[in-house]
PDB file of N, CA and C in Angstrom:
ATOM      1  N   MET A   1     188.167  18.727 134.276  1.00  0.00           N
ATOM      2  CA  MET A   1     189.037  20.166 133.949  1.00  0.00           C
ATOM      3  C   MET A   1     189.675  19.367 133.243  1.00  0.00           C
ATOM      4  N   SER A   2     190.214  20.427 131.902  1.00  0.00           N
ATOM      5  CA  SER A   2     190.970  19.966 130.809  1.00  0.00           C
ATOM      6  C   SER A   2     192.284  20.538 131.438  1.00  0.00           C
ATOM      7  N   VAL A   3     193.571  19.995 131.046  1.00  0.00           N
ATOM      8  CA  VAL A   3     194.605  20.014 131.535  1.00  0.00           C
ATOM      9  C   VAL A   3     194.998  21.935 131.184  1.00  0.00           C
ATOM     10  N   ALA A   4     194.977  22.415 130.097  1.00  0.00           N
ATOM     11  CA  ALA A   4     195.189  23.862 129.894  1.00  0.00           C
ATOM     12  C   ALA A   4     194.260  24.702 130.690  1.00  0.00           C
ATOM     13  N   VAL A   5     193.136  24.441 131.242  1.00  0.00           N
ATOM     14  CA  VAL A   5     192.951  25.463 132.250  1.00  0.00           C
ATOM     15  C   VAL A   5     193.661  25.056 133.430  1.00  0.00           C
ATOM     16  N   ALA A   6     193.714  23.850 134.074  1.00  0.00           N
ATOM     17  CA  ALA A   6     194.697  23.354 135.196  1.00  0.00           C
ATOM     18  C   ALA A   6     195.909  24.164 135.159  1.00  0.00           C
ATOM     19  N   GLU A   7     196.209  24.706 133.981  1.00  0.00           N
ATOM     20  CA  GLU A   7     198.081  25.043 134.312  1.00  0.00           C
ATOM     21  C   GLU A   7     198.048  26.491 134.238  1.00  0.00           C
ATOM     22  N   LYS A   8     196.818  27.173 133.729  1.00  0.00           N
ATOM     23  CA  LYS A   8     196.561  28.364 133.517  1.00  0.00           C
ATOM     24  C   LYS A   8     196.663  29.129 135.099  1.00  0.00           C
ATOM     25  N   VAL A   9     197.306  30.417 135.300  1.00  0.00           N
ATOM     26  CA  VAL A   9     197.215  30.807 136.565  1.00  0.00           C
ATOM     27  C   VAL A   9     197.017  32.171 136.378  1.00  0.00           C
ATOM     28  N   VAL A  10     195.360  32.704 137.858  1.00  0.00           N
ATOM     29  CA  VAL A  10     195.168  34.172 136.956  1.00  0.00           C
ATOM     30  C   VAL A  10     195.959  34.638 138.246  1.00  0.00           C
ATOM     31  N   CYS A  11     195.872  36.295 138.601  1.00  0.00           N
ATOM     32  CA  CYS A  11     195.706  36.864 140.114  1.00  0.00           C
ATOM     33  C   CYS A  11     194.479  37.363 139.973  1.00  0.00           C
ATOM     34  N   VAL A  12     194.376  37.661 141.259  1.00  0.00           N
ATOM     35  CA  VAL A  12     192.862  38.636 141.579  1.00  0.00           C
ATOM     36  C   VAL A  12     193.459  39.132 142.584  1.00  0.00           C
ATOM     37  N   THR A  13     193.505  40.868 142.663  1.00  0.00           N
ATOM     38  CA  THR A  13     194.153  41.942 143.026  1.00  0.00           C
ATOM     39  C   THR A  13     192.383  42.481 144.393  1.00  0.00           C
ATOM     40  N   GLY A  14     192.969  42.176 145.444  1.00  0.00           N
ATOM     41  CA  GLY A  14     192.033  42.359 146.393  1.00  0.00           C
ATOM     42  C   GLY A  14     191.093  41.925 147.136  1.00  0.00           C
ATOM     43  N   GLY A  15     191.893  40.190 147.022  1.00  0.00           N
ATOM     44  CA  GLY A  15     191.026  39.053 146.985  1.00  0.00           C
ATOM     45  C   GLY A  15     190.349  38.661 147.806  1.00  0.00           C
ATOM     46  N   ALA A  16     190.038  39.480 148.623  1.00  0.00           N
ATOM     47  CA  ALA A  16     189.382  39.140 150.089  1.00  0.00           C
ATOM     48  C   ALA A  16     187.941  40.200 149.982  1.00  0.00           C
ATOM     49  N   GLY A  17     187.680  41.185 149.117  1.00  0.00           N
ATOM     50  CA  GLY A  17     186.790  41.631 148.855  1.00  0.00           C
ATOM     51  C   GLY A  17     185.928  40.853 148.204  1.00  0.00           C
ATOM     52  N   TYR A  18     184.659  41.292 148.399  1.00  0.00           N
ATOM     53  CA  TYR A  18     183.089  40.910 147.844  1.00  0.00           C
ATOM     54  C   TYR A  18     183.085  40.415 146.706  1.00  0.00           C
ATOM     55  N   ILE A  19     183.321  41.417 145.677  1.00  0.00           N
ATOM     56  CA  ILE A  19     183.469  40.702 144.364  1.00  0.00           C
ATOM     57  C   ILE A  19     184.764  40.041 143.930  1.00  0.00           C
ATOM     58  N   ALA A  20     185.415  40.098 144.704  1.00  0.00           N
ATOM     59  CA  ALA A  20     187.035  39.658 143.864  1.00  0.00           C
ATOM     60  C   ALA A  20     186.433  37.932 144.714  1.00  0.00           C
ATOM     61  N   SER A  21     185.647  38.321 146.214  1.00  0.00           N
ATOM     62  CA  SER A  21     185.786  36.764 146.606  1.00  0.00           C
ATOM     63  C   SER A  21     184.508  35.961 145.678  1.00  0.00           C
ATOM     64  N   TRP A  22     184.084  36.227 145.437  1.00  0.00           N
ATOM     65  CA  TRP A  22     182.710  35.683 144.207  1.00  0.00           C
ATOM     66  C   TRP A  22     184.002  35.133 143.160  1.00  0.00           C
ATOM     67  N   LEU A  23     184.974  36.206 142.540  1.00  0.00           N
ATOM     68  CA  LEU A  23     185.537  35.973 141.732  1.00  0.00           C
ATOM     69  C   LEU A  23     186.672  34.599 141.780  1.00  0.00           C
ATOM     70  N   VAL A  24     187.062  34.734 142.879  1.00  0.00           N
ATOM     71  CA  VAL A  24     188.049  33.771 143.388  1.00  0.00           C
ATOM     72  C   VAL A  24     187.385  32.303 143.403  1.00  0.00           C
ATOM     73  N   LYS A  25     185.874  32.138 143.826  1.00  0.00           N
ATOM     74  CA  LYS A  25     185.310  31.325 143.694  1.00  0.00           C
ATOM     75  C   LYS A  25     185.241  30.652 142.245  1.00  0.00           C
ATOM     76  N   LEU A  26     184.753  31.568 141.338  1.00  0.00           N
ATOM     77  CA  LEU A  26     184.376  30.706 139.844  1.00  0.00           C
ATOM     78  C   LEU A  26     185.533  30.944 138.980  1.00  0.00           C
ATOM     79  N   LEU A  27     186.681  31.059 139.289  1.00  0.00           N
ATOM     80  CA  LEU A  27     187.803  30.742 138.897  1.00  0.00           C
ATOM     81  C   LEU A  27     188.126  29.193 139.476  1.00  0.00           C
ATOM     82  N   LEU A  28     188.416  29.475 140.675  1.00  0.00           N
ATOM     83  CA  LEU A  28     188.433  27.929 141.325  1.00  0.00           C
ATOM     84  C   LEU A  28     188.028  26.817 141.177  1.00  0.00           C
ATOM     85  N   LEU A  29     186.550  27.081 140.971  1.00  0.00           N
ATOM     86  CA  LEU A  29     185.446  26.008 140.367  1.00  0.00           C
ATOM     87  C   LEU A  29     185.673  25.514 138.717  1.00  0.00           C
ATOM     88  N   ARG A  30     186.390  26.648 138.193  1.00  0.00           N
ATOM     89  CA  ARG A  30     186.495  26.104 136.791  1.00  0.00           C
ATOM     90  C   ARG A  30     188.000  25.429 136.248  1.00  0.00           C
ATOM     91  N   GLY A  31     188.814  25.606 137.497  1.00  0.00           N
ATOM     92  CA  GLY A  31     189.911  24.805 137.645  1.00  0.00           C
ATOM     93  C   GLY A  31     191.185  25.649 137.523  1.00  0.00           C
ATOM     94  N   TYR A  32     191.190  27.159 137.445  1.00  0.00           N
ATOM     95  CA  TYR A  32     192.760  28.125 137.327  1.00  0.00           C
ATOM     96  C   TYR A  32     192.929  27.676 138.701  1.00  0.00           C
ATOM     97  N   THR A  33     194.641  27.980 138.589  1.00  0.00           N
ATOM     98  CA  THR A  33     195.603  28.101 139.898  1.00  0.00           C
ATOM     99  C   THR A  33     194.908  29.737 140.126  1.00  0.00           C
ATOM    100  N   VAL A  34     194.561  30.457 141.042  1.00  0.00           N
ATOM    101  CA  VAL A  34     194.287  31.279 141.943  1.00  0.00           C
ATOM    102  C   VAL A  34     195.631  32.077 143.103  1.00  0.00           C
ATOM    103  N   LYS A  35     196.506  33.346 142.345  1.00  0.00           N
ATOM    104  CA  LYS A  35     196.664  34.029 143.011  1.00  0.00           C
ATOM    105  C   LYS A  35     196.252  35.368 143.487  1.00  0.00           C
ATOM    106  N   ALA A  36     196.034  35.496 144.783  1.00  0.00           N
ATOM    107  CA  ALA A  36     194.930  36.186 145.119  1.00  0.00           C
ATOM    108  C   ALA A  36     195.765  37.248 146.538  1.00  0.00           C
ATOM    109  N   THR A  37     195.930  38.591 145.884  1.00  0.00           N
ATOM    110  CA  THR A  37     196.555  39.570 146.789  1.00  0.00           C
ATOM    111  C   THR A  37     195.582  39.858 148.066  1.00  0.00           C
ATOM    112  N   LEU A  38     196.130  40.110 149.098  1.00  0.00           N
ATOM    113  CA  LEU A  38     195.524  40.852 150.231  1.00  0.00           C
ATOM    114  C   LEU A  38     196.629  42.009 150.835  1.00  0.00           C
ATOM    115  N   ARG A  39     195.801  42.562 151.745  1.00  0.00           N
ATOM    116  CA  ARG A  39     196.706  44.130 152.594  1.00  0.00           C
ATOM    117  C   ARG A  39     197.344  42.982 153.753  1.00  0.00           C
ATOM    118  N   ASN A  40     196.792  41.838 154.430  1.00  0.00           N
ATOM    119  CA  ASN A  40     197.493  41.394 155.737  1.00  0.00           C
ATOM    120  C   ASN A  40     196.449  39.497 154.711  1.00  0.00           C
ATOM    121  N   PRO A  41     197.141  38.767 154.346  1.00  0.00           N
ATOM    122  CA  PRO A  41     197.165  37.325 154.333  1.00  0.00           C
ATOM    123  C   PRO A  41     197.015  36.735 155.456  1.00  0.00           C
ATOM    124  N   ASP A  42     197.672  37.486 157.010  1.00  0.00           N
ATOM    125  CA  ASP A  42     197.568  36.693 157.851  1.00  0.00           C
ATOM    126  C   ASP A  42     196.628  36.691 158.972  1.00  0.00           C
ATOM    127  N   ASP A  43     195.510  37.854 158.533  1.00  0.00           N
ATOM    128  CA  ASP A  43     194.207  38.179 159.043  1.00  0.00           C
ATOM    129  C   ASP A  43     192.943  36.934 158.766  1.00  0.00           C
ATOM    130  N   PRO A  44     192.959  36.251 159.789  1.00  0.00           N
ATOM    131  CA  PRO A  44     192.167  34.971 159.312  1.00  0.00           C
ATOM    132  C   PRO A  44     190.121  35.079 159.227  1.00  0.00           C
ATOM    133  N   LYS A  45     190.334  36.676 159.247  1.00  0.00           N
ATOM    134  CA  LYS A  45     188.768  37.366 159.064  1.00  0.00           C
ATOM    135  C   LYS A  45     189.027  37.793 157.371  1.00  0.00           C
ATOM    136  N   LYS A  46     189.926  38.375 157.465  1.00  0.00           N
ATOM    137  CA  LYS A  46     190.098  38.220 155.593  1.00  0.00           C
ATOM    138  C   LYS A  46     190.533  37.223 154.931  1.00  0.00           C
ATOM    139  N   THR A  47     190.350  35.893 155.413  1.00  0.00           N
ATOM    140  CA  THR A  47     190.782  34.381 154.484  1.00  0.00           C
ATOM    141  C   THR A  47     190.023  33.469 154.730  1.00  0.00           C
ATOM    142  N   GLU A  48     189.583  33.301 155.886  1.00  0.00           N
ATOM    143  CA  GLU A  48     188.307  31.855 156.275  1.00  0.00           C
ATOM    144  C   GLU A  48     187.810  31.592 155.113  1.00  0.00           C
ATOM    145  N   HIS A  49     187.201  32.670 154.584  1.00  0.00           N
ATOM    146  CA  HIS A  49     186.071  31.897 153.636  1.00  0.00           C
ATOM    147  C   HIS A  49     186.792  31.973 152.296  1.00  0.00           C
ATOM    148  N   LEU A  50     187.661  32.462 151.981  1.00  0.00           N
ATOM    149  CA  LEU A  50     188.761  31.953 150.955  1.00  0.00           C
ATOM    150  C   LEU A  50     189.603  30.848 150.619  1.00  0.00           C
ATOM    151  N   LEU A  51     189.709  30.313 152.323  1.00  0.00           N
ATOM    152  CA  LEU A  51     190.670  28.744 152.585  1.00  0.00           C
ATOM    153  C   LEU A  51     189.527  28.074 152.361  1.00  0.00           C
ATOM    154  N   ALA A  52     187.956  28.555 152.317  1.00  0.00           N
ATOM    155  CA  ALA A  52     186.976  27.322 152.738  1.00  0.00           C
ATOM    156  C   ALA A  52     186.693  27.173 151.025  1.00  0.00           C
ATOM    157  N   LEU A  53     187.276  27.187 150.270  1.00  0.00           N
ATOM    158  CA  LEU A  53     186.500  27.501 148.920  1.00  0.00           C
ATOM    159  C   LEU A  53     186.832  26.094 148.418  1.00  0.00           C
ATOM    160  N   GLU A  54     186.331  25.089 147.540  1.00  0.00           N
ATOM    161  CA  GLU A  54     186.485  24.415 147.099  1.00  0.00           C
ATOM    162  C   GLU A  54     187.505  24.561 146.169  1.00  0.00           C
ATOM    163  N   GLY A  55     188.759  23.435 146.018  1.00  0.00           N
ATOM    164  CA  GLY A  55     189.812  23.753 145.211  1.00  0.00           C
ATOM    165  C   GLY A  55     190.998  24.743 145.746  1.00  0.00           C
ATOM    166  N   ALA A  56     190.976  25.392 146.697  1.00  0.00           N
ATOM    167  CA  ALA A  56     191.218  26.443 147.681  1.00  0.00           C
ATOM    168  C   ALA A  56     192.755  25.553 147.931  1.00  0.00           C
ATOM    169  N   LYS A  57     192.569  24.793 148.770  1.00  0.00           N
ATOM    170  CA  LYS A  57     193.578  23.618 149.197  1.00  0.00           C
ATOM    171  C   LYS A  57     194.702  23.853 147.897  1.00  0.00           C
ATOM    172  N   GLU A  58     194.594  23.635 146.950  1.00  0.00           N
ATOM    173  CA  GLU A  58     195.489  22.886 145.901  1.00  0.00           C
ATOM    174  C   GLU A  58     195.641  24.289 144.911  1.00  0.00           C
ATOM    175  N   ARG A  59     194.732  24.966 144.794  1.00  0.00           N
ATOM    176  CA  ARG A  59     195.299  26.040 143.919  1.00  0.00           C
ATOM    177  C   ARG A  59     195.056  27.288 143.953  1.00  0.00           C
ATOM    178  N   LEU A  60     195.189  27.890 145.759  1.00  0.00           N
ATOM    179  CA  LEU A  60     194.720  28.965 145.836  1.00  0.00           C
ATOM    180  C   LEU A  60     195.629  29.748 146.603  1.00  0.00           C
ATOM    181  N   HIS A  61     196.693  30.829 146.292  1.00  0.00           N
ATOM    182  CA  HIS A  61     197.745  31.190 146.843  1.00  0.00           C
ATOM    183  C   HIS A  61     197.263  32.543 147.146  1.00  0.00           C
ATOM    184  N   LEU A  62     197.251  32.880 148.360  1.00  0.00           N
ATOM    185  CA  LEU A  62     197.409  34.027 149.162  1.00  0.00           C
ATOM    186  C   LEU A  62     199.132  34.572 149.245  1.00  0.00           C
ATOM    187  N   PHE A  63     198.830  36.261 149.004  1.00  0.00           N
ATOM    188  CA  PHE A  63     199.947  36.724 149.195  1.00  0.00           C
ATOM    189  C   PHE A  63     199.656  38.449 149.311  1.00  0.00           C
ATOM    190  N   LYS A  64     200.966  39.335 149.810  1.00  0.00           N
ATOM    191  CA  LYS A  64     200.692  40.418 150.750  1.00  0.00           C
ATOM    192  C   LYS A  64     200.750  40.714 149.815  1.00  0.00           C
ATOM    193  N   ALA A  65     200.285  42.112 149.078  1.00  0.00           N
ATOM    194  CA  ALA A  65     200.532  43.073 148.339  1.00  0.00           C
ATOM    195  C   ALA A  65     199.611  44.543 149.205  1.00  0.00           C
ATOM    196  N   ASN A  66     199.854  45.759 148.708  1.00  0.00           N
ATOM    197  CA  ASN A  66     199.475  46.845 148.883  1.00  0.00           C
ATOM    198  C   ASN A  66     199.929  47.421 147.614  1.00  0.00           C
ATOM    199  N   LEU A  67     198.248  48.255 147.280  1.00  0.00           N
ATOM    200  CA  LEU A  67     198.529  49.468 146.157  1.00  0.00           C
ATOM    201  C   LEU A  67     199.413  50.557 146.406  1.00  0.00           C
ATOM    202  N   LEU A  68     199.486  50.969 147.599  1.00  0.00           N
ATOM    203  CA  LEU A  68     200.201  51.992 148.128  1.00  0.00           C
ATOM    204  C   LEU A  68     201.643  51.564 148.120  1.00  0.00           C
ATOM    205  N   GLU A  69     202.361  50.569 147.698  1.00  0.00           N
ATOM    206  CA  GLU A  69     203.653  50.178 148.326  1.00  0.00           C
ATOM    207  C   GLU A  69     204.285  49.867 146.299  1.00  0.00           C
ATOM    208  N   GLU A  70     204.984  50.630 145.942  1.00  0.00           N
ATOM    209  CA  GLU A  70     205.339  50.520 144.601  1.00  0.00           C
ATOM    210  C   GLU A  70     206.222  49.500 144.354  1.00  0.00           C
ATOM    211  N   GLY A  71     206.084  48.415 143.134  1.00  0.00           N
ATOM    212  CA  GLY A  71     206.504  47.255 143.308  1.00  0.00           C
ATOM    213  C   GLY A  71     205.920  45.740 143.647  1.00  0.00           C
ATOM    214  N   SER A  72     204.904  46.364 143.979  1.00  0.00           N
ATOM    215  CA  SER A  72     204.487  44.926 145.632  1.00  0.00           C
ATOM    216  C   SER A  72     203.947  43.657 144.945  1.00  0.00           C
ATOM    217  N   PHE A  73     202.885  44.212 143.594  1.00  0.00           N
ATOM    218  CA  PHE A  73     202.623  42.700 142.741  1.00  0.00           C
ATOM    219  C   PHE A  73     203.548  42.575 141.595  1.00  0.00           C
ATOM    220  N   ASP A  74     205.005  43.245 141.593  1.00  0.00           N
ATOM    221  CA  ASP A  74     205.757  42.850 140.070  1.00  0.00           C
ATOM    222  C   ASP A  74     205.858  41.177 140.497  1.00  0.00           C
ATOM    223  N   SER A  75     206.505  40.614 140.901  1.00  0.00           N
ATOM    224  CA  SER A  75     206.561  39.020 141.276  1.00  0.00           C
ATOM    225  C   SER A  75     205.150  38.078 141.745  1.00  0.00           C
ATOM    226  N   ILE A  76     204.444  38.913 141.718  1.00  0.00           N
ATOM    227  CA  ILE A  76     203.136  38.012 141.950  1.00  0.00           C
ATOM    228  C   ILE A  76     202.897  37.463 140.855  1.00  0.00           C
ATOM    229  N   VAL A  77     202.442  38.986 140.143  1.00  0.00           N
ATOM    230  CA  VAL A  77     201.939  38.710 138.805  1.00  0.00           C
ATOM    231  C   VAL A  77     202.522  38.215 137.219  1.00  0.00           C
ATOM    232  N   GLU A  78     203.872  38.074 137.917  1.00  0.00           N
ATOM    233  CA  GLU A  78     204.637  37.406 136.935  1.00  0.00           C
ATOM    234  C   GLU A  78     204.447  35.875 136.682  1.00  0.00           C
ATOM    235  N   GLY A  79     204.359  35.289 135.620  1.00  0.00           N
ATOM    236  CA  GLY A  79     203.753  34.497 134.750  1.00  0.00           C
ATOM    237  C   GLY A  79     202.351  34.010 134.911  1.00  0.00           C
ATOM    238  N   CYS A  80     201.752  35.129 134.840  1.00  0.00           N
ATOM    239  CA  CYS A  80     200.222  34.948 135.152  1.00  0.00           C
ATOM    240  C   CYS A  80     199.366  34.857 133.734  1.00  0.00           C
ATOM    241  N   GLU A  81     198.347  34.082 133.923  1.00  0.00           N
ATOM    242  CA  GLU A  81     197.543  34.374 132.233  1.00  0.00           C
ATOM    243  C   GLU A  81     197.055  35.622 132.227  1.00  0.00           C
ATOM    244  N   GLY A  82     196.376  36.559 133.236  1.00  0.00           N
ATOM    245  CA  GLY A  82     195.801  37.378 133.239  1.00  0.00           C
ATOM    246  C   GLY A  82     195.453  37.651 134.831  1.00  0.00           C
ATOM    247  N   VAL A  83     195.248  39.240 134.914  1.00  0.00           N
ATOM    248  CA  VAL A  83     194.938  39.951 136.129  1.00  0.00           C
ATOM    249  C   VAL A  83     193.491  40.261 136.354  1.00  0.00           C
ATOM    250  N   PHE A  84     192.742  40.416 136.964  1.00  0.00           N
ATOM    251  CA  PHE A  84     191.678  40.899 137.927  1.00  0.00           C
ATOM    252  C   PHE A  84     192.045  41.617 138.745  1.00  0.00           C
ATOM    253  N   HIS A  85     192.252  43.115 138.375  1.00  0.00           N
ATOM    254  CA  HIS A  85     192.005  44.224 139.261  1.00  0.00           C
ATOM    255  C   HIS A  85     190.910  44.362 140.114  1.00  0.00           C
ATOM    256  N   THR A  86     190.627  44.314 140.921  1.00  0.00           N
ATOM    257  CA  THR A  86     189.480  44.880 141.933  1.00  0.00           C
ATOM    258  C   THR A  86     189.813  45.169 142.991  1.00  0.00           C
ATOM    259  N   ALA A  87     191.058  45.550 143.837  1.00  0.00           N
ATOM    260  CA  ALA A  87     191.715  46.471 144.755  1.00  0.00           C
ATOM    261  C   ALA A  87     191.453  47.359 144.326  1.00  0.00           C
ATOM    262  N   SER A  88     191.400  48.124 145.542  1.00  0.00           N
ATOM    263  CA  SER A  88     191.093  49.610 145.489  1.00  0.00           C
ATOM    264  C   SER A  88     191.874  50.491 147.078  1.00  0.00           C
ATOM    265  N   PRO A  89     192.867  51.061 146.915  1.00  0.00           N
ATOM    266  CA  PRO A  89     193.471  51.651 147.836  1.00  0.00           C
ATOM    267  C   PRO A  89     192.462  52.674 148.797  1.00  0.00           C
ATOM    268  N   VAL A  90     192.832  52.435 150.305  1.00  0.00           N
ATOM    269  CA  VAL A  90     191.570  53.363 151.025  1.00  0.00           C
ATOM    270  C   VAL A  90     192.449  54.093 151.574  1.00  0.00           C
ATOM    271  N   LEU A  91     192.114  55.197 151.522  1.00  0.00           N
ATOM    272  CA  LEU A  91     193.052  56.467 151.784  1.00  0.00           C
ATOM    273  C   LEU A  91     192.466  57.382 152.711  1.00  0.00           C
ATOM    274  N   LEU A  92     191.059  56.770 153.100  1.00  0.00           N
ATOM    275  CA  LEU A  92     190.260  57.677 153.673  1.00  0.00           C
ATOM    276  C   LEU A  92     190.265  57.519 155.310  1.00  0.00           C
ATOM    277  N   GLU A  93     190.392  58.296 155.815  1.00  0.00           N
ATOM    278  CA  GLU A  93     190.200  57.875 157.023  1.00  0.00           C
ATOM    279  C   GLU A  93     188.908  58.879 158.071  1.00  0.00           C
ATOM    280  N   VAL A  94     188.376  58.022 158.066  1.00  0.00           N
ATOM    281  CA  VAL A  94     186.673  58.635 158.427  1.00  0.00           C
ATOM    282  C   VAL A  94     186.331  59.092 160.175  1.00  0.00           C
ATOM    283  N   THR A  95     186.218  60.143 160.493  1.00  0.00           N
ATOM    284  CA  THR A  95     186.124  59.692 162.001  1.00  0.00           C
ATOM    285  C   THR A  95     184.626  60.200 162.477  1.00  0.00           C
ATOM    286  N   ASP A  96     184.116  60.579 161.400  1.00  0.00           N
ATOM    287  CA  ASP A  96     182.643  60.896 161.331  1.00  0.00           C
ATOM    288  C   ASP A  96     181.980  61.424 160.220  1.00  0.00           C
ATOM    289  N   PRO A  97     180.778  59.812 159.774  1.00  0.00           N
ATOM    290  CA  PRO A  97     180.152  59.106 158.799  1.00  0.00           C
ATOM    291  C   PRO A  97     179.168  60.403 158.549  1.00  0.00           C
ATOM    292  N   LYS A  98     178.528  61.066 158.968  1.00  0.00           N
ATOM    293  CA  LYS A  98     177.310  61.938 158.778  1.00  0.00           C
ATOM    294  C   LYS A  98     178.155  63.080 157.985  1.00  0.00           C
ATOM    295  N   VAL A  99     179.652  63.292 158.645  1.00  0.00           N
ATOM    296  CA  VAL A  99     180.142  64.627 157.489  1.00  0.00           C
ATOM    297  C   VAL A  99     181.027  64.365 156.723  1.00  0.00           C
ATOM    298  N   HIS A 100     181.727  63.227 156.417  1.00  0.00           N
ATOM    299  CA  HIS A 100     182.197  62.518 155.801  1.00  0.00           C
ATOM    300  C   HIS A 100     181.808  61.027 154.879  1.00  0.00           C
ATOM    301  N   PRO A 101     180.477  61.150 153.916  1.00  0.00           N
ATOM    302  CA  PRO A 101     180.162  59.834 153.766  1.00  0.00           C
ATOM    303  C   PRO A 101     180.678  59.268 152.245  1.00  0.00           C
ATOM    304  N   ILE A 102     180.889  58.319 152.485  1.00  0.00           N
ATOM    305  CA  ILE A 102     181.557  57.525 151.624  1.00  0.00           C
ATOM    306  C   ILE A 102     180.791  57.256 150.360  1.00  0.00           C
TER     307      ILE A 102
END
């Protein structure tokens, strides 16, 4: 891993999602430091798989952020070389999936 890559910090929004999780894995394997945002970084169901990734102990940082809360990403993305925006707000509460398919 080159020193240049090791010093690069990127942010992945929606870090616990399917696509974002694979992206976090790839970025860690390539030596990046990753700031991943989640709505609830204290939920082990959402973080276990991320914390088990190679390089996570040294270069993965989890942050609480919510797309529906203005400014919640500001300090997290500060200083990042890039941002991979994979988060999506969940606004729909489905009571009957047959009536309201997603």
